[in-house]
Amino acid sequence: MNVVVTGANSGTGKEAAKALAAAGADVVLAVRTPAKGEQARAEILAAHPDANVQVRRLDLADLASVREFADGLIADGRPLDLLLNNAGVMFPPVRHETADGFELQFGSNHLGPFALTVRLLPLLLAASSPRVVTMSSGMAARGRIDFDDLNWERHYNPTAAYARSKLANLLMTMHLARVSDERGWNLLSAGAHPGSAATNLAFSGPAMGGRPSLLFRVALRVVPHHSAAAGAQPMLYAATSPDAVQGGYYGPRWGLIGPARPARPTPKALDRDVAARLWAESERLTGVQLPSQADVWKADA
């Protein structure tokens, strides 16, 4: 099995990569900082010396980096069995932009993974039973897609921006599942959320140019947490379980913590019209479009 895990140098990404490598998968750690990726690779190899793990640079906040990463895999010509869209950024107190001028959370959490997924579809569709699993969040239920201000140029709110990006993850997941069914692809698209996992995601974003809100700091102390390894379980379930279904969504049993089980997505994620419009807008913003059948056949040959 050939696997790509984004954000694999720490947290749920590293734990997922470690579990998949231990099970015999060939794992690509797709990371923004290769040195950190090499540290994660060394940790995985220390526990599993026979694992096949490599590090490749991928910055989801830079569409040129996404293109370069995808082109590198395509040049290798090996079918891709599994893509785990795990990386993300959370709650920067002040508005930041990606290399392409998008609001950082919307750009890194949605547009980057969207472009990566679509660019890698020819490799995914060349595999026998490919899956794309995209990490969302319980915060998706608080999200709202405002097509008049996707980039938060009018009034930036860090929590609302994160929630929007996580709702966008789910909308992308569901739309890709529908596209796969409509086109007769043997591709499973599913979503997951980690619950309240103890990772550095909750600390790195809020430190970017400001001070986290009092409510956020209090919540970190009082909300139940489980480990990064436990937070990775819903994503791994969606990625590997024979019981995972097309358009499925998986999370901890008790919402914030607990073993992986099917979760109920917010009704907003099931709006087909919004999902289709967001997909079309994402194609326009990224310049990346679904492959034609000819491209799929070429990758299959």
Foldseek 3Di string as FASTA:
>chain_A
DEEEFEPCLWFLNVLLQLVCQQVPYQYEYEYQDQVSVVVSVVVSCVVPVPGHYYYDYAQQLDLVRLVVVLVVVVVVLAAHAEYEAEDFAAQQPDWDHGPLGATRRLRRLALSVLQNCQSNVLSPLLDDQHEYEYEAAPLLLVEDCDVVCLRCPPHDDRSRNNNNSRLLRLLQQQVVLVVCVVVVGNYAREYEYLAAEPICNLPPNHVNPHHDDPVSVVCVVPPDYDYSSQSNQQRVCCRDPPPRGHSWYWYAPVRRGHHIDTDDDRVSSVPNVVSVVSSVVSCVSSVRDHDDVVSNVVSND
